[in-house]
Each structure stands twice: as structure tokens, then as C-alpha cells.
Amino acid sequence: MTNYAKARVERNFWYVERNFLAGRTFTDWQDLNEQAKKWCTEVANQKVKRSLGMSPEAAYLMEKPHLHPLPPYIPPVYQTLYRAVDVAGYVQVDTNRYSAPERLVGKEVEVHKLWDRVEVFFKNQKVADHPRLIDKRETRITAKGHHPPFNRQRAHEGPCNEEKALRGQQEWLDQFVEELKRRSTGRGVMPMRRLLDLKVLSGPIPRRHLPKPLSKPSGMGFMIWPAWSR
């Protein structure tokens, strides 16, 4: 490209930067495009160009009768990417992460990156549609319904599965489980799991293998706990 041609190309960018962008603010990329379209119609296309001998609007009106109409549907322009849904339920595009349904964790999906949106497909079915995070980095966006919230209260209600498996066999074992649960944080899942592992490995737990409650030590009435219960 000659210096003359290079200057002609760069002059158009200079015109946009100095005439359109200068002094303007934009709420988002959609707002920028709307303002740019209005500026092209009302300002840039009305200006007489020396190379045309007329304005672009006047040249368009002259050529319009000879132009072919656009098809009824214009397919979108997008870049196709293939991603595996990570363990957290997201796919990564340009350093940002977009959610996919939780059931697709570990599966490969097809991602369409449009100028303003990111679409996710699995077996030719659209499973996610997100606004594209153009001006952000290391950000994630989660669509409603993709990742059901973890209900911590419900998860910790009632006895755990380990407690259910241990109870109802021996009265003394029920008492031991109750005391173990009382002295543990939460529902005592980990110590009960170790106790259940002992039962699975060695069969029914003999009472002599468990600590006995002391009669009245210091008037407090506590049990001596083995190391695995801590």
C-alpha cells in the first residue's frame, strides 16, 4: 500500500475519532451502535465527498433503483467454538465464563460467539443464551435455572445417612451415637462415617471396642473418645 493510499484509509478513522467519538458517552455497546447509526445518517452521509462529487446519501439514492433487495432472513455472523463444561458448570470464552445447565458438566458443547451474544448448543439444541461480556475480563455470568442454589439449611436437616445406618441395632450403640453427635460440629458426619467404616470392615462393633461412659467423673458425666472420633 502506498503512502497516499494509506493516508486515505487512515483519514476515515481520524474523521470518526474526531467527529463522532469526541465528547460522547455510551452506556453500553448497543448504545454506541445506535448513536453511530444516527450520526452516519444525519452527519457523515450528508457531507459532500470530493471523491464522489456528492454526498453518500445522494449517491445511494441514485443507485437504489438498481440494487437487489436483501433476503428476508440474514443469518447471523458468528465464530464457532467447542468447549467442555467445567466442574462448576461454565464454558470459557475470551477469559469470561458463561453458565451451562448443570447436567452438562464434563460434556462437550458447541459455542457460537456473536458480536453481542454467546450461545451454547448441545446436540444441536440451544441450552444457553447470554449477553456477551465485551468490555470485561475474568467475569462470569450465570443464567437463572442453570445452577440451582445450594440449600444449606435443607441439607443439614434431620439425621445423616451414616447416623441412620448406625441406629436401631443396639441400645448402647444408639447412646454412643447420640453422644458422638452432641459433641461433634454440625451433624457429626465425619466421626459417624469413621464409626460406620469400622462396622463395615470388622462386622458388628463389639461393645468392648468403644469407650464406656464414666459413672460420675468430676460430676460432668462424659465419655472418653477414641482418636478416630475427633
Protein backbone atom coordinates (compact mmCIF):
# COMPACT_ATOMS: atom_id res chain seq x y z
CA MET A 1 0.00 0.00 0.00
CA THR A 2 1.40 3.39 -1.00
CA ASN A 3 1.68 6.23 1.47
CA TYR A 4 -1.10 8.05 -0.40
CA ALA A 5 -3.50 5.08 -0.19
CA LYS A 6 -2.56 4.51 3.43
CA ALA A 7 -3.36 8.11 4.30
CA ARG A 8 -6.76 7.87 2.58
CA VAL A 9 -7.65 4.80 4.65
CA GLU A 10 -6.48 6.27 7.95
CA ARG A 11 -8.22 9.59 7.27
CA ASN A 12 -11.61 7.90 7.68
CA PHE A 13 -10.66 6.65 11.15
CA TRP A 14 -9.38 10.10 12.06
CA TYR A 15 -12.72 11.61 10.98
CA VAL A 16 -14.72 9.17 13.13
CA GLU A 17 -12.47 9.63 16.17
CA ARG A 18 -12.54 13.44 16.00
CA ASN A 19 -16.13 13.98 14.86
CA PHE A 20 -18.18 11.09 16.28
CA LEU A 21 -16.37 9.76 19.35
CA ALA A 22 -15.13 13.08 20.74
CA GLY A 23 -17.21 14.26 23.69
CA ARG A 24 -19.68 11.36 23.64
CA THR A 25 -20.50 8.85 26.36
CA PHE A 26 -22.09 5.42 25.95
CA THR A 27 -23.96 3.22 28.38
CA ASP A 28 -23.03 0.01 26.52
CA TRP A 29 -22.08 -1.31 23.09
CA GLN A 30 -25.69 -1.29 21.94
CA ASP A 31 -25.96 2.41 22.78
CA LEU A 32 -22.71 3.10 20.90
CA ASN A 33 -24.06 1.38 17.78
CA GLU A 34 -27.36 3.28 17.97
CA GLN A 35 -25.59 6.63 18.26
CA ALA A 36 -23.19 5.70 15.46
CA LYS A 37 -26.07 4.78 13.17
CA LYS A 38 -27.80 8.10 13.86
CA TRP A 39 -24.54 10.03 13.30
CA CYS A 40 -23.97 8.27 9.95
CA THR A 41 -27.49 9.11 8.77
CA GLU A 42 -27.61 12.72 9.96
CA VAL A 43 -23.96 13.83 9.66
CA ALA A 44 -21.50 11.62 7.80
CA ASN A 45 -23.75 10.59 4.92
CA GLN A 46 -24.88 14.21 4.33
CA LYS A 47 -21.37 15.54 3.88
CA VAL A 48 -20.23 16.05 0.27
CA LYS A 49 -17.25 13.84 -0.59
CA ARG A 50 -14.71 15.16 -3.03
CA SER A 51 -14.09 11.67 -4.42
CA LEU A 52 -17.82 11.23 -5.17
CA GLY A 53 -18.68 14.77 -6.15
CA MET A 54 -21.75 14.40 -3.93
CA SER A 55 -22.79 13.13 -0.54
CA PRO A 56 -23.04 9.38 0.16
CA GLU A 57 -26.79 9.82 0.72
CA ALA A 58 -27.23 11.35 -2.74
CA ALA A 59 -25.14 8.57 -4.33
CA TYR A 60 -27.26 5.95 -2.56
CA LEU A 61 -30.50 7.48 -3.86
CA MET A 62 -29.11 7.33 -7.41
CA GLU A 63 -28.11 3.67 -7.10
CA LYS A 64 -31.10 2.47 -5.10
CA PRO A 65 -33.35 1.60 -8.10
CA HIS A 66 -30.63 -0.74 -9.40
CA LEU A 67 -29.91 -2.54 -6.13
CA HIS A 68 -31.26 -6.01 -5.30
CA PRO A 69 -33.25 -6.32 -2.06
CA LEU A 70 -31.72 -8.21 0.83
CA PRO A 71 -33.09 -11.71 1.57
CA PRO A 72 -35.91 -11.92 4.15
CA TYR A 73 -33.58 -13.65 6.61
CA ILE A 74 -29.94 -12.78 7.06
CA PRO A 75 -28.11 -15.43 9.07
CA PRO A 76 -26.03 -14.05 11.93
CA VAL A 77 -22.27 -13.94 11.71
CA TYR A 78 -20.59 -15.86 14.50
CA GLN A 79 -17.45 -17.76 15.45
CA THR A 80 -17.88 -21.43 16.35
CA LEU A 81 -16.02 -22.74 19.38
CA TYR A 82 -16.02 -26.11 21.11
CA ARG A 83 -15.76 -26.20 24.86
CA ALA A 84 -16.12 -28.73 27.66
CA VAL A 85 -18.39 -27.60 30.50
CA ASP A 86 -16.16 -27.36 33.58
CA VAL A 87 -16.91 -28.82 37.01
CA ALA A 88 -18.51 -25.54 38.10
CA GLY A 89 -20.92 -25.59 35.13
CA TYR A 90 -19.35 -22.90 32.92
CA VAL A 91 -17.73 -22.54 29.49
CA GLN A 92 -14.94 -20.04 28.93
CA VAL A 93 -14.89 -17.53 26.07
CA ASP A 94 -12.27 -14.75 25.90
CA THR A 95 -11.34 -15.09 29.62
CA ASN A 96 -15.01 -14.79 30.68
CA ARG A 97 -17.19 -17.70 31.83
CA TYR A 98 -20.78 -18.37 30.79
CA SER A 99 -23.07 -20.82 32.56
CA ALA A 100 -24.48 -24.01 31.07
CA PRO A 101 -27.07 -26.36 32.58
CA GLU A 102 -25.64 -28.34 35.47
CA ARG A 103 -26.47 -31.66 33.78
CA LEU A 104 -23.89 -30.91 31.05
CA VAL A 105 -20.87 -30.79 33.38
CA GLY A 106 -17.99 -32.63 31.68
CA LYS A 107 -19.70 -32.75 28.28
CA GLU A 108 -18.53 -31.01 25.10
CA VAL A 109 -20.79 -28.24 23.78
CA GLU A 110 -20.77 -26.01 20.73
CA VAL A 111 -20.46 -22.28 21.42
CA HIS A 112 -21.46 -19.54 18.98
CA LYS A 113 -19.73 -16.24 19.67
CA LEU A 114 -21.70 -13.39 18.11
CA TRP A 115 -20.77 -9.73 18.39
CA ASP A 116 -23.24 -9.18 21.24
CA ARG A 117 -24.20 -12.65 22.47
CA VAL A 118 -22.80 -16.06 23.39
CA GLU A 119 -24.98 -19.07 22.58
CA VAL A 120 -24.36 -22.63 23.79
CA PHE A 121 -25.64 -25.71 21.96
CA PHE A 122 -25.69 -29.38 22.95
CA LYS A 123 -26.68 -31.96 20.33
CA ASN A 124 -27.99 -29.15 18.08
CA GLN A 125 -30.26 -27.85 20.84
CA LYS A 126 -29.70 -24.38 22.30
CA VAL A 127 -29.17 -24.75 26.04
CA ALA A 128 -27.86 -21.29 26.95
CA ASP A 129 -28.04 -17.74 25.60
CA HIS A 130 -26.02 -14.97 27.28
CA PRO A 131 -25.21 -11.33 26.54
CA ARG A 132 -21.55 -11.22 25.59
CA LEU A 133 -19.24 -9.60 28.12
CA ILE A 134 -17.25 -7.44 25.70
CA ASP A 135 -15.62 -4.88 27.99
CA LYS A 136 -14.91 -7.21 30.95
CA ARG A 137 -12.33 -9.83 31.84
CA GLU A 138 -12.29 -12.75 34.30
CA THR A 139 -16.04 -12.35 34.84
CA ARG A 140 -18.75 -14.97 34.93
CA ILE A 141 -22.44 -14.79 34.16
CA THR A 142 -25.00 -17.31 35.39
CA ALA A 143 -28.41 -17.77 33.80
CA LYS A 144 -31.39 -18.41 36.04
CA GLY A 145 -32.11 -22.10 36.44
CA HIS A 146 -28.71 -23.35 35.31
CA HIS A 147 -27.28 -23.83 38.81
CA PRO A 148 -29.94 -24.41 41.47
CA PRO A 149 -28.89 -22.69 44.71
CA PHE A 150 -27.46 -24.93 47.38
CA ASN A 151 -29.94 -25.07 50.24
CA ARG A 152 -27.60 -25.44 53.20
CA GLN A 153 -30.43 -25.49 55.73
CA ARG A 154 -32.26 -28.30 53.98
CA ALA A 155 -29.03 -30.28 53.51
CA HIS A 156 -28.39 -30.20 57.25
CA GLU A 157 -31.89 -31.07 58.41
CA GLY A 158 -32.54 -34.40 60.10
CA PRO A 159 -30.09 -37.27 60.72
CA CYS A 160 -27.39 -38.01 58.15
CA ASN A 161 -27.27 -41.32 56.28
CA GLU A 162 -24.41 -42.57 58.48
CA GLU A 163 -26.46 -41.97 61.63
CA LYS A 164 -29.44 -43.81 60.16
CA ALA A 165 -27.24 -46.80 59.35
CA LEU A 166 -25.84 -46.96 62.89
CA ARG A 167 -29.04 -46.52 64.89
CA GLY A 168 -31.59 -49.15 65.81
CA GLN A 169 -29.16 -52.05 66.35
CA GLN A 170 -28.13 -51.83 69.98
CA GLU A 171 -29.34 -49.53 72.70
CA TRP A 172 -25.81 -48.80 73.91
CA LEU A 173 -24.74 -48.01 70.33
CA ASP A 174 -27.64 -45.57 69.97
CA GLN A 175 -26.48 -43.85 73.16
CA PHE A 176 -22.92 -43.67 71.85
CA VAL A 177 -24.08 -42.20 68.50
CA GLU A 178 -26.22 -39.63 70.30
CA GLU A 179 -23.30 -38.51 72.45
CA LEU A 180 -20.95 -38.51 69.46
CA LYS A 181 -23.39 -36.31 67.58
CA ARG A 182 -23.75 -33.95 70.53
CA ARG A 183 -20.00 -33.47 70.85
CA SER A 184 -19.35 -33.02 67.11
CA THR A 185 -19.80 -29.98 64.90
CA GLY A 186 -22.83 -29.99 62.64
CA ARG A 187 -24.41 -33.40 62.38
CA GLY A 188 -21.21 -35.31 63.18
CA VAL A 189 -20.98 -36.81 59.72
CA MET A 190 -17.23 -37.47 59.66
CA PRO A 191 -16.88 -39.28 63.02
CA MET A 192 -20.02 -41.30 62.30
CA ARG A 193 -18.62 -42.19 58.90
CA ARG A 194 -15.43 -43.48 60.55
CA LEU A 195 -17.53 -45.46 63.02
CA LEU A 196 -19.57 -46.90 60.17
CA ASP A 197 -16.37 -47.81 58.31
CA LEU A 198 -15.22 -49.70 61.39
CA LYS A 199 -18.52 -51.57 61.44
CA VAL A 200 -18.27 -52.44 57.72
CA LEU A 201 -14.66 -53.66 57.99
CA SER A 202 -14.99 -55.67 61.17
CA GLY A 203 -18.65 -56.62 61.21
CA PRO A 204 -20.85 -55.79 64.22
CA ILE A 205 -18.97 -53.50 66.57
CA PRO A 206 -18.26 -55.22 69.90
CA ARG A 207 -19.11 -53.00 72.80
CA ARG A 208 -15.65 -53.52 74.27
CA HIS A 209 -14.14 -51.69 71.27
CA LEU A 210 -15.97 -48.50 72.17
CA PRO A 211 -15.28 -46.19 75.12
CA LYS A 212 -17.56 -46.59 78.09
CA PRO A 213 -19.24 -43.64 79.76
CA LEU A 214 -17.71 -42.87 83.11
CA SER A 215 -20.03 -43.01 86.06
CA LYS A 216 -19.58 -39.53 87.53
CA PRO A 217 -16.19 -38.07 86.70
CA SER A 218 -15.99 -34.61 88.20
CA GLY A 219 -19.79 -34.56 88.19
CA MET A 220 -19.86 -33.92 84.43
CA GLY A 221 -20.73 -37.35 83.02
CA PHE A 222 -18.69 -37.50 79.77
CA MET A 223 -17.25 -40.23 77.56
CA ILE A 224 -13.66 -40.92 76.58
CA TRP A 225 -13.42 -40.62 72.82
CA PRO A 226 -11.06 -42.62 70.61
CA ALA A 227 -8.79 -40.78 68.15
CA TRP A 228 -10.91 -41.65 65.10
CA SER A 229 -13.95 -39.85 66.54
CA ARG A 230 -12.24 -36.46 66.52
